Amino acid sequence: QVQLAESGGGLVQSGGSLTLSCDASGSISSMNFMGWYRQAPGKERDLVATITDGRWTNYGDSVKGRFTISRETGMNTVYLQMNSLKHEDTAVYYCTYGSLDGRQRYWGQGTQVTVSS
């Protein structure tokens, strides 16, 4: 089992910034990825960004150039720096962890991000 602890959501004005963090603990695989997905009301859960333990990153098209994902060396903590936030970024953001061999996949409970227009 892997436990994910998310923090950093909240209310921010359009054009503002917010940082989310997620800490993974438990039976962590030596080769893994962590990241964030988001789901707005009435919509599907979409990729925001992921990062492997080798620092390879992948971003959703709508956040490229505005959001940055990072993780601490040797730590299972991932950060999402969100800049130039837009109203359409409003969603519940879910932290995710997975092993690269596909045997593990876990999701956090989600944290609400609301961007006022």
Protein backbone atom coordinates (compact mmCIF):
# COMPACT_ATOMS: atom_id res chain seq x y z
CA GLN A 1 0.00 0.00 0.00
CA VAL A 2 1.00 3.57 -0.70
CA GLN A 3 -0.44 6.57 1.07
CA LEU A 4 -0.57 10.00 -0.55
CA ALA A 5 -0.87 13.20 1.49
CA GLU A 6 -1.83 16.30 -0.53
CA SER A 7 -1.70 19.91 0.55
CA GLY A 8 -1.76 23.42 -0.85
CA GLY A 9 -5.15 23.84 -2.48
CA GLY A 10 -7.29 26.90 -1.98
CA LEU A 11 -8.78 30.02 -3.50
CA VAL A 12 -6.71 32.36 -5.66
CA GLN A 13 -7.45 35.20 -8.02
CA SER A 14 -7.01 34.89 -11.76
CA GLY A 15 -3.38 35.52 -12.69
CA GLY A 16 -2.18 34.40 -9.29
CA SER A 17 -0.02 31.48 -8.20
CA LEU A 18 -0.43 28.44 -6.01
CA THR A 19 1.77 25.50 -5.08
CA LEU A 20 0.50 21.99 -4.40
CA SER A 21 2.55 19.31 -2.69
CA CYS A 22 2.09 15.57 -2.30
CA ASP A 23 4.04 13.19 -0.12
CA ALA A 24 4.02 9.44 -0.78
CA SER A 25 4.75 6.88 1.91
CA GLY A 26 4.51 3.13 2.29
CA SER A 27 5.64 0.46 -0.19
CA ILE A 28 7.32 2.75 -2.70
CA SER A 29 8.76 1.16 -5.83
CA SER A 30 12.33 1.96 -6.77
CA MET A 31 11.16 3.03 -10.23
CA ASN A 32 8.08 5.20 -10.09
CA PHE A 33 6.30 8.31 -11.21
CA MET A 34 4.24 10.85 -9.33
CA GLY A 35 2.08 13.64 -10.52
CA TRP A 36 -1.22 15.44 -10.69
CA TYR A 37 -4.49 15.05 -12.53
CA ARG A 38 -7.51 17.29 -12.21
CA GLN A 39 -11.24 17.00 -12.59
CA ALA A 40 -13.67 19.85 -13.04
CA PRO A 41 -17.41 19.39 -12.42
CA GLY A 42 -19.03 17.43 -15.21
CA LYS A 43 -15.71 16.69 -16.92
CA GLU A 44 -13.30 13.80 -17.10
CA ARG A 45 -10.15 13.56 -15.04
CA ASP A 46 -7.30 15.02 -17.12
CA LEU A 47 -3.54 14.95 -16.93
CA VAL A 48 -1.89 18.00 -15.40
CA ALA A 49 1.71 16.82 -15.04
CA THR A 50 3.77 13.80 -14.05
CA ILE A 51 7.42 13.27 -13.18
CA THR A 52 9.42 10.06 -12.88
CA ASP A 53 12.09 9.38 -10.30
CA GLY A 54 14.50 10.01 -13.16
CA ARG A 55 13.03 13.53 -13.52
CA TRP A 56 11.37 12.89 -16.89
CA THR A 57 8.31 15.15 -17.04
CA ASN A 58 5.06 15.16 -18.97
CA TYR A 59 2.53 18.01 -19.06
CA GLY A 60 -1.01 18.42 -20.23
CA ASP A 61 -1.29 20.84 -23.15
CA SER A 62 -3.43 23.34 -21.26
CA VAL A 63 -0.81 23.92 -18.54
CA LYS A 64 2.44 23.92 -20.54
CA GLY A 65 4.45 27.05 -19.85
CA ARG A 66 2.41 27.93 -16.75
CA PHE A 67 2.81 24.96 -14.41
CA THR A 68 6.02 23.29 -13.25
CA ILE A 69 6.29 19.92 -11.58
CA SER A 70 9.30 18.97 -9.48
CA ARG A 71 10.37 16.44 -6.89
CA GLU A 72 13.11 16.34 -4.31
CA THR A 73 16.09 14.09 -4.95
CA GLY A 74 15.76 10.87 -2.98
CA MET A 75 12.38 11.91 -1.63
CA ASN A 76 8.89 10.84 -2.58
CA THR A 77 7.48 14.34 -2.49
CA VAL A 78 6.23 16.12 -5.58
CA TYR A 79 5.41 19.78 -6.04
CA LEU A 80 3.25 21.54 -8.60
CA GLN A 81 3.98 25.23 -9.01
CA MET A 82 1.00 26.82 -10.75
CA ASN A 83 1.47 30.31 -12.21
CA SER A 84 -0.77 32.55 -14.29
CA LEU A 85 -3.81 30.70 -13.05
CA LYS A 86 -7.01 30.96 -15.04
CA HIS A 87 -10.62 30.42 -14.07
CA GLU A 88 -10.62 27.26 -16.19
CA ASP A 89 -7.93 25.79 -13.91
CA THR A 90 -10.60 25.45 -11.25
CA ALA A 91 -10.90 21.77 -10.37
CA VAL A 92 -10.18 19.12 -7.81
CA TYR A 93 -6.51 18.20 -8.16
CA TYR A 94 -5.57 14.60 -7.47
CA CYS A 95 -2.09 13.41 -6.63
CA THR A 96 -1.14 10.11 -8.18
CA TYR A 97 1.67 7.62 -7.71
CA GLY A 98 2.52 4.65 -9.88
CA SER A 99 5.28 2.14 -10.41
CA LEU A 100 6.81 2.12 -13.87
CA ASP A 101 6.12 -1.60 -14.22
CA GLY A 102 2.40 -0.90 -13.91
CA ARG A 103 1.84 -2.99 -10.80
CA GLN A 104 1.03 -0.08 -8.53
CA ARG A 105 -1.26 2.91 -9.01
CA TYR A 106 -2.67 5.01 -6.22
CA TRP A 107 -4.63 8.24 -5.97
CA GLY A 108 -4.91 10.87 -3.29
CA GLN A 109 -8.23 12.16 -1.99
CA GLY A 110 -7.95 15.38 -3.95
CA THR A 111 -7.55 19.03 -3.09
CA GLN A 112 -9.77 21.83 -4.38
CA VAL A 113 -8.25 24.65 -6.39
CA THR A 114 -10.58 27.54 -7.16
CA VAL A 115 -9.52 30.43 -9.38
CA SER A 116 -11.79 33.44 -9.20
CA SER A 117 -12.25 35.39 -12.44
